[in-house]
Protein backbone atom coordinates (compact mmCIF):
# COMPACT_ATOMS: atom_id res chain seq x y z
CA MET A 1 0.00 0.00 0.00
CA SER A 2 1.10 3.59 -0.54
CA LEU A 3 1.64 6.08 2.26
CA SER A 4 -1.31 8.08 0.96
CA GLU A 5 -3.54 5.12 1.89
CA LEU A 6 -2.12 4.78 5.39
CA ARG A 7 -4.27 6.69 7.87
CA VAL A 8 -3.28 6.26 11.50
CA LEU A 9 -5.21 6.83 14.71
CA VAL A 10 -2.65 7.24 17.51
CA LEU A 11 -4.57 6.05 20.56
CA GLY A 12 -3.44 6.47 24.17
CA SER A 13 -0.62 8.68 25.40
CA LEU A 14 2.62 9.93 23.89
CA GLY A 15 3.83 10.99 27.32
CA PRO A 16 5.80 14.22 27.76
CA ASN A 17 7.80 13.75 24.54
CA GLN A 18 4.85 14.11 22.25
CA ASP A 19 6.36 16.02 19.35
CA ARG A 20 8.37 12.99 18.26
CA ILE A 21 5.19 11.80 16.54
CA LEU A 22 5.65 14.61 14.00
CA ALA A 23 8.19 12.31 12.35
CA LEU A 24 5.22 10.11 11.41
CA ALA A 25 3.06 13.07 10.41
CA ALA A 26 5.74 14.10 7.93
CA ARG A 27 5.59 10.68 6.28
CA VAL A 28 1.88 9.86 6.09
CA ASP A 29 -1.04 11.90 4.83
CA GLY A 30 -3.42 11.06 7.65
CA LEU A 31 -2.49 11.08 11.34
CA VAL A 32 -4.90 11.71 14.23
CA TYR A 33 -3.94 11.70 17.92
CA ALA A 34 -6.74 10.67 20.31
CA TYR A 35 -5.21 11.06 23.74
CA THR A 36 -6.05 9.53 27.10
CA GLU A 37 -3.70 11.77 29.04
CA PHE A 38 -3.26 15.52 28.74
CA HIS A 39 0.19 17.05 28.62
CA PRO A 40 1.06 20.75 28.05
CA SER A 41 3.37 19.87 25.17
CA LEU A 42 0.23 19.19 23.13
CA VAL A 43 0.42 22.82 22.09
CA ARG A 44 3.33 21.87 19.83
CA LEU A 45 1.26 19.19 18.11
CA GLU A 46 -2.05 20.93 17.57
CA LYS A 47 -0.66 23.14 14.81
CA GLU A 48 0.54 20.07 12.90
CA ILE A 49 -1.95 17.24 13.44
CA VAL A 50 -5.49 16.64 14.69
CA CYS A 51 -5.45 16.18 18.50
CA ILE A 52 -8.62 15.00 20.25
CA PRO A 53 -9.18 14.25 23.95
CA LEU A 54 -10.94 10.95 24.61
CA ALA A 55 -13.72 10.84 27.16
CA ARG A 56 -14.01 7.46 28.85
CA ARG A 57 -17.79 7.58 28.72
CA ASN A 58 -19.17 6.29 25.41
CA LEU A 59 -15.62 5.59 24.27
CA VAL A 60 -16.37 3.10 21.52
CA PRO A 61 -18.81 5.43 19.66
CA GLN A 62 -16.15 8.16 19.81
CA VAL A 63 -13.56 5.87 18.30
CA ARG A 64 -16.00 4.68 15.64
CA TYR A 65 -16.66 8.29 14.70
CA LEU A 66 -12.95 9.07 14.40
CA LEU A 67 -12.35 5.96 12.30
CA THR A 68 -15.08 7.00 9.89
CA ARG A 69 -14.41 10.74 9.93
CA TYR A 70 -10.71 10.34 9.13
CA GLU A 71 -10.91 7.08 7.15
CA ILE A 72 -8.51 5.40 9.56
CA SER A 73 -6.83 2.19 8.37
CA ILE A 74 -4.81 1.30 11.49
CA ILE A 75 -4.95 2.04 15.23
CA TYR A 76 -1.54 2.62 16.83
CA SER A 77 -2.03 2.07 20.58
CA LEU A 78 0.56 3.21 23.11
CA LEU A 79 2.28 3.47 25.59
CA SER A 80 2.12 2.36 29.23
CA ALA A 81 0.13 0.64 31.93
CA ALA A 82 -0.45 3.92 33.79
CA ASP A 83 -1.91 6.20 31.10
CA GLN A 84 -5.29 4.46 30.56
CA SER A 85 -4.19 3.22 27.14
CA THR A 86 -4.56 -0.42 28.21
CA GLU A 87 -8.14 0.12 29.36
CA VAL A 88 -9.04 2.10 26.24
CA THR A 89 -7.52 -0.52 23.95
CA LEU A 90 -9.48 -3.28 25.67
CA GLU A 91 -12.72 -1.32 25.24
CA VAL A 92 -11.99 -0.95 21.54
CA LEU A 93 -11.19 -4.67 21.24
CA ASP A 94 -14.47 -5.53 22.96
CA GLY A 95 -16.42 -3.00 20.91
CA GLY A 96 -16.37 -5.05 17.73
CA ILE A 97 -14.30 -2.51 15.81
CA ALA A 98 -12.80 -4.08 12.68
CA VAL A 99 -9.83 -1.74 12.22
CA PRO A 100 -6.63 -3.56 13.33
CA ILE A 101 -4.72 -2.44 16.41
CA VAL A 102 -0.96 -2.40 16.80
CA ARG A 103 0.06 -2.10 20.45
CA HIS A 104 3.37 -0.42 21.35
CA TYR A 105 4.18 -1.18 24.98
CA LYS A 106 6.84 0.28 27.24
CA GLU A 107 6.20 1.34 30.85
CA HIS A 108 4.64 -1.44 32.91
CA PRO A 109 4.89 -3.20 36.27
CA CYS A 110 6.21 -6.73 35.94
CA ILE A 111 2.98 -8.09 37.42
CA PRO A 112 1.06 -10.34 35.00
CA THR A 113 -2.60 -9.48 34.52
CA LEU A 114 -5.38 -10.71 32.26
CA GLU A 115 -5.70 -7.20 30.80
CA GLU A 116 -2.03 -7.01 29.88
CA ARG A 117 -2.15 -10.49 28.41
CA ARG A 118 -5.04 -9.51 26.15
CA ILE A 119 -3.43 -6.37 24.72
CA LEU A 120 -0.40 -8.47 23.80
CA LEU A 121 -2.27 -11.47 22.41
CA ASP A 122 -5.53 -10.10 21.02
CA THR A 123 -4.17 -7.13 19.07
CA ALA A 124 -3.08 -7.58 15.45
CA GLY A 125 0.54 -6.62 16.07
CA GLN A 126 2.71 -5.78 19.04
CA ILE A 127 5.86 -3.68 19.32
CA TYR A 128 8.30 -4.16 22.20
CA ILE A 129 11.07 -1.70 23.06
CA ASN A 130 13.92 -4.21 23.03
CA ARG A 131 14.70 -7.92 22.88
CA GLU A 132 14.80 -8.17 26.67
CA SER A 133 11.20 -6.96 26.88
CA LEU A 134 10.05 -9.35 24.14
CA GLU A 135 11.77 -12.28 25.86
CA TYR A 136 10.07 -11.38 29.14
CA PHE A 137 6.60 -11.41 27.58
CA ARG A 138 7.40 -14.60 25.67
CA ARG A 139 8.14 -16.22 29.01
CA ILE A 140 5.09 -14.76 30.80
CA TYR A 141 2.38 -15.06 28.14
CA GLY A 142 3.92 -16.99 25.27
CA VAL A 143 3.43 -14.01 22.92
CA SER A 144 3.76 -14.84 19.23
CA LEU A 145 6.94 -14.04 17.34
CA GLU A 146 4.91 -13.77 14.12
CA SER A 147 3.24 -10.54 15.25
CA ALA A 148 6.09 -9.23 17.44
CA HIS A 149 8.37 -6.34 16.47
CA ILE A 150 11.10 -4.36 18.23
CA VAL A 151 11.32 -0.56 18.08
CA ASP A 152 11.93 1.77 21.02
CA ALA A 153 8.82 3.82 21.70
CA ASP A 154 10.03 7.02 23.30
CA MET A 155 13.07 8.43 21.54
CA ILE A 156 13.85 12.11 21.14
CA ALA A 157 13.11 14.00 17.92
CA GLU A 158 16.13 14.39 15.65
CA ARG A 159 15.75 18.19 15.40
CA TYR A 160 17.06 18.40 18.98
CA MET A 161 20.31 16.72 17.94
CA SER A 162 21.94 19.94 16.83
CA ASP A 163 25.63 20.44 16.21
CA ASP A 164 25.82 23.35 18.63
CA PHE A 165 28.40 21.72 20.88
CA SER A 166 30.05 23.52 23.80
CA GLU A 167 33.62 23.17 25.03
CA LYS A 168 34.06 20.53 27.73
CA LEU A 169 34.32 21.92 31.26
CA ARG A 170 37.15 19.53 32.03
CA LEU A 171 39.35 21.53 29.65
CA GLN A 172 39.07 24.37 32.16
CA ASP A 173 39.52 22.53 35.48
CA GLY A 174 40.94 19.12 34.51
CA GLU A 175 38.12 17.29 36.34
CA PRO A 176 35.22 15.16 35.03
CA HIS A 177 31.64 16.41 35.02
CA LEU A 178 28.64 14.06 35.24
CA LEU A 179 25.12 15.10 34.20
CA VAL A 180 21.94 13.92 35.95
CA ALA A 181 18.68 14.90 34.25
CA GLY A 182 15.08 13.95 35.04
CA GLY A 183 13.45 13.27 38.38
CA MET A 184 15.30 13.29 41.71
CA SER A 185 13.92 11.83 44.91
CA MET A 186 14.91 10.78 48.41
CA LEU A 187 12.83 7.59 48.31
CA SER A 188 15.75 5.13 47.99
CA ASP A 189 14.53 4.36 44.47
CA ARG A 190 16.07 4.71 41.00
CA LEU A 191 15.68 8.50 41.15
CA ASP A 192 17.45 8.92 44.49
CA VAL A 193 20.89 10.29 43.57
CA ARG A 194 21.93 11.61 46.99
CA GLU A 195 24.45 8.82 47.51
CA LEU A 196 25.81 9.37 44.01
CA CYS A 197 26.39 13.04 44.84
CA VAL A 198 28.24 12.22 48.06
CA GLU A 199 30.38 9.48 46.53
CA MET A 200 31.32 11.49 43.46
CA ASP A 201 32.20 14.49 45.64
CA ARG A 202 34.67 12.28 47.52
CA ARG A 203 36.22 11.24 44.21
CA HIS A 204 36.44 14.75 42.72
CA VAL A 205 33.75 14.22 40.07
CA HIS A 206 31.37 17.12 39.53
CA VAL A 207 27.66 16.18 39.48
CA HIS A 208 25.32 18.56 37.63
CA LEU A 209 21.64 18.18 38.55
CA PHE A 210 19.12 19.36 35.95
CA GLY A 211 16.17 17.39 37.25
CA TYR A 212 12.94 18.15 39.06
CA VAL A 213 12.33 16.87 42.57
CA VAL A 214 9.61 14.34 43.28
CA GLY A 215 8.33 12.96 46.58
CA LYS A 216 5.25 11.25 47.95
CA GLY A 217 2.31 12.58 49.87
CA GLU A 218 0.64 10.91 52.83
CA ASP A 219 -1.63 9.06 50.39
CA GLY A 220 1.38 7.66 48.54
CA CYS A 221 0.75 9.74 45.42
CA PRO A 222 3.77 11.39 43.77
CA ILE A 223 4.30 15.11 44.34
CA VAL A 224 6.41 17.01 41.82
CA GLY A 225 8.17 19.91 43.52
CA HIS A 226 8.08 18.15 46.89
CA ILE A 227 9.47 20.75 49.31
CA PRO A 228 11.35 18.42 51.73
CA THR A 229 13.04 16.75 48.74
CA LEU A 230 13.94 20.12 47.26
CA ARG A 231 15.52 21.21 50.55
CA ALA A 232 17.49 17.96 50.78
CA TYR A 233 19.11 18.57 47.40
CA GLU A 234 19.67 22.25 48.21
CA ASP A 235 21.50 21.11 51.34
CA LEU A 236 23.61 18.72 49.27
CA GLU A 237 24.63 21.52 46.95
CA GLY A 238 25.45 23.74 49.91
CA SER A 239 27.59 21.16 51.67
CA LEU A 240 29.35 19.46 48.72
CA SER A 241 31.74 21.39 46.49
CA TYR A 242 31.20 19.05 43.54
CA VAL A 243 27.38 19.20 43.40
CA HIS A 244 25.70 21.82 41.21
CA ARG A 245 21.99 22.40 40.65
CA HIS A 246 20.77 24.01 37.42
CA ALA A 247 17.53 25.36 36.01
CA TYR A 248 15.49 23.31 33.55
CA VAL A 249 16.50 23.56 29.91
CA PRO A 250 14.13 22.69 27.02
CA PRO A 251 15.09 20.01 24.46
CA ALA A 252 16.20 22.61 21.90
CA GLU A 253 18.98 23.59 24.33
CA PHE A 254 20.14 20.09 25.30
CA CYS A 255 23.14 20.16 22.97
CA PRO A 256 24.64 23.55 23.88
CA ALA A 257 23.79 23.20 27.59
CA TRP A 258 24.76 19.57 28.18
CA SER A 259 27.56 18.84 25.71
CA ARG A 260 30.03 20.55 28.07
CA TYR A 261 29.76 17.55 30.43
CA ASP A 262 31.48 14.17 30.08
CA ALA A 263 28.67 11.64 30.55
CA GLY A 264 24.99 11.29 31.42
CA PHE A 265 24.00 9.24 34.48
CA MET A 266 21.08 6.89 33.86
CA HIS A 267 19.47 5.64 37.07
CA THR A 268 20.56 4.52 40.50
CA LYS A 269 20.57 0.74 40.85
CA VAL A 270 17.54 -0.37 42.89
CA ASP A 271 17.53 -3.13 45.48
CA PRO A 272 16.96 -6.46 43.68
CA HIS A 273 14.09 -7.15 46.10
CA ASP A 274 12.35 -3.88 45.20
CA LYS A 275 9.09 -4.30 43.28
CA THR A 276 10.47 -2.17 40.43
CA ALA A 277 13.69 -4.17 40.03
CA ALA A 278 12.34 -6.54 37.36
CA PHE A 279 11.16 -3.66 35.18
CA GLU A 280 14.45 -1.81 35.58
CA GLU A 281 16.15 -4.74 33.88
CA LEU A 282 13.94 -4.23 30.80
CA ASN A 283 13.64 -0.46 30.64
CA LEU A 284 15.13 2.00 28.16
CA PRO A 285 14.47 5.32 29.95
CA TYR A 286 13.79 8.34 27.78
CA ARG A 287 16.76 10.21 29.24
CA TYR A 288 19.24 8.05 27.32
CA THR A 289 18.25 9.62 23.98
CA ALA A 290 18.19 13.08 25.58
CA TYR A 291 21.79 12.57 26.73
CA LEU A 292 22.79 11.28 23.30
CA ALA A 293 21.20 14.34 21.70
CA ALA A 294 24.00 16.29 23.37
CA GLY A 295 26.61 13.73 22.31
CA LEU A 296 27.10 12.42 25.86
CA PRO A 297 28.19 8.87 26.63
CA LEU A 298 25.87 7.04 29.04
CA ALA A 299 26.85 5.84 32.53
CA VAL A 300 25.10 2.54 33.28
CA PRO A 301 25.63 0.10 36.19
CA LYS A 302 26.89 -3.38 35.42
CA GLU A 303 23.99 -4.95 37.31
CA GLY A 304 20.32 -3.99 37.50
CA GLN A 305 19.74 -2.35 34.10
CA ARG A 306 20.29 -5.25 31.69
CA ALA A 307 18.65 -3.71 28.61
CA MET A 308 20.54 -0.43 28.97
CA ARG A 309 23.80 -2.28 29.52
CA SER A 310 23.19 -4.34 26.38
CA LEU A 311 22.52 -1.19 24.35
CA VAL A 312 25.65 0.55 25.60
CA GLU A 313 27.86 -2.48 25.04
CA SER A 314 26.56 -3.23 21.55
CA CYS A 315 26.75 0.36 20.33
CA ASP A 316 29.78 1.52 22.36
CA VAL A 317 28.05 4.68 23.57
CA GLY A 318 28.89 4.67 27.27
CA VAL A 319 30.61 3.28 30.33
CA ILE A 320 29.55 0.21 32.29
CA TYR A 321 30.63 0.56 35.91
CA SER A 322 30.67 -1.93 38.78
CA ASP A 323 30.72 0.56 41.67
CA TYR A 324 31.37 4.23 42.38
CA ASP A 325 35.14 3.73 42.43
CA ASP A 326 34.95 2.20 38.96
CA LEU A 327 32.65 4.95 37.67
CA ALA A 328 34.91 7.70 38.96
CA ALA A 329 38.02 6.02 37.54
CA LYS A 330 36.46 5.77 34.09
CA LEU A 331 35.26 9.37 34.19
CA HIS A 332 38.73 10.57 35.23
CA ASP A 333 40.31 8.75 32.25
CA GLU A 334 40.38 11.55 29.70
CA ASN A 335 41.34 9.30 26.77
CA VAL A 336 38.53 6.83 27.45
CA MET A 337 35.93 9.58 27.76
CA ALA A 338 37.15 11.40 24.65
CA ALA A 339 36.83 8.21 22.60
CA LEU A 340 33.35 7.49 23.98
CA SER A 341 32.23 11.08 23.35
CA SER A 342 33.34 10.74 19.73
CA GLU A 343 31.33 7.51 19.37
CA ALA A 344 28.24 9.04 21.00
CA ARG A 345 28.33 12.06 18.70
CA GLY A 346 28.77 9.87 15.66
CA ARG A 347 25.98 7.42 16.47
CA ARG A 348 23.44 9.64 18.24
CA ARG A 349 21.08 10.22 15.30
CA TYR A 350 20.42 6.49 15.06
CA PHE A 351 18.67 6.86 18.43
CA SER A 352 16.24 9.55 17.27
CA PHE A 353 12.59 8.77 16.64
CA ASP A 354 13.02 10.07 13.09
CA SER A 355 15.61 7.41 12.30
CA ASN A 356 13.18 4.69 13.35
CA ALA A 357 10.00 6.21 11.90
CA ASP A 358 10.26 4.39 8.57
CA LYS A 359 10.55 1.04 10.36
CA LEU A 360 7.50 1.89 12.44
CA ILE A 361 5.54 2.86 9.33
CA GLU A 362 6.38 -0.46 7.66
CA ILE A 363 4.96 -2.27 10.71
CA LEU A 364 1.77 -0.21 10.63
CA LYS A 365 1.40 -0.77 6.88
CA ARG A 366 1.69 -4.53 7.38
CA TYR A 367 -1.42 -4.60 9.55
CA SER A 368 -3.37 -1.77 7.93
CA ALA A 369 -6.94 -2.42 6.86
CA ALA A 370 -6.10 -0.84 3.50
CA CYS A 371 -3.70 -3.68 2.57
């Protein structure tokens, strides 16, 4: 089928990195985004594609209307277990809608459920973010290899991979500089980087914090901007000479703002008995493509993040460290870091959503009702 015949209903949530979908909009004539979760970055999409909020009441008639109104040939369902996309997809499956569904699945608890099983067995096609994730679901549900595909779901848009590189800070002070972006907590979870800050300070490695703080309320719900957490990281900066907090920078500034550092820190290793430990082995966090947009090598622990370690080892875009001594030693090795920085800059565009959009389109075309 031709691209002019491919008309896609993106169903669910694109998360905070929504404008990556414009890589699909540039390649197909018809693209509609029916979202289950609002995010302010929608403002960047609405000028380019049709964006429609989905009400959970009378959902199936809404979807039927969109399919008819926009002559949709394929439903592209994404992304996680927490954004209502699973529930919406199940309603569509049960609603007798004939248009095929391709499910792209990323964020999930490693807790088998009937609902999760159905979205991976009853949809026409399924896309997993890496081989580790596919192997996990093969073991849990026996998912079919005939309808299984592998493409990461949440990569950064290529337009943010500019060539506006800054001079490395280590050329000025002779010391390594490690970037930490994304959420920061004091919950002893993957976002808790307090120990990292202390240990790197002892080893004369600068840690630059660009993240937002997140804590939990009395009801257990996450609180962005959690004041006690903010004060804890302010205290760290005040007491440790090698810890530096910075204001948020938008994606368009990742390259000039972040390229001055030596590496990007992924996540803190979680306790293997933690309920999130199994998922951490499978995850490819969004921040890895944000770091690569600035040409930064990735810093990934040897244990606890198997999929990220596999990616770094196979593509030679980062350091695998066993402990903080090992991490600091690698960061202090100027020759090693220079070589890794060169590799990261050379390979980074492969990890953009744009570079994988054609592969995604071929998958959608395979299952399209217009075939």
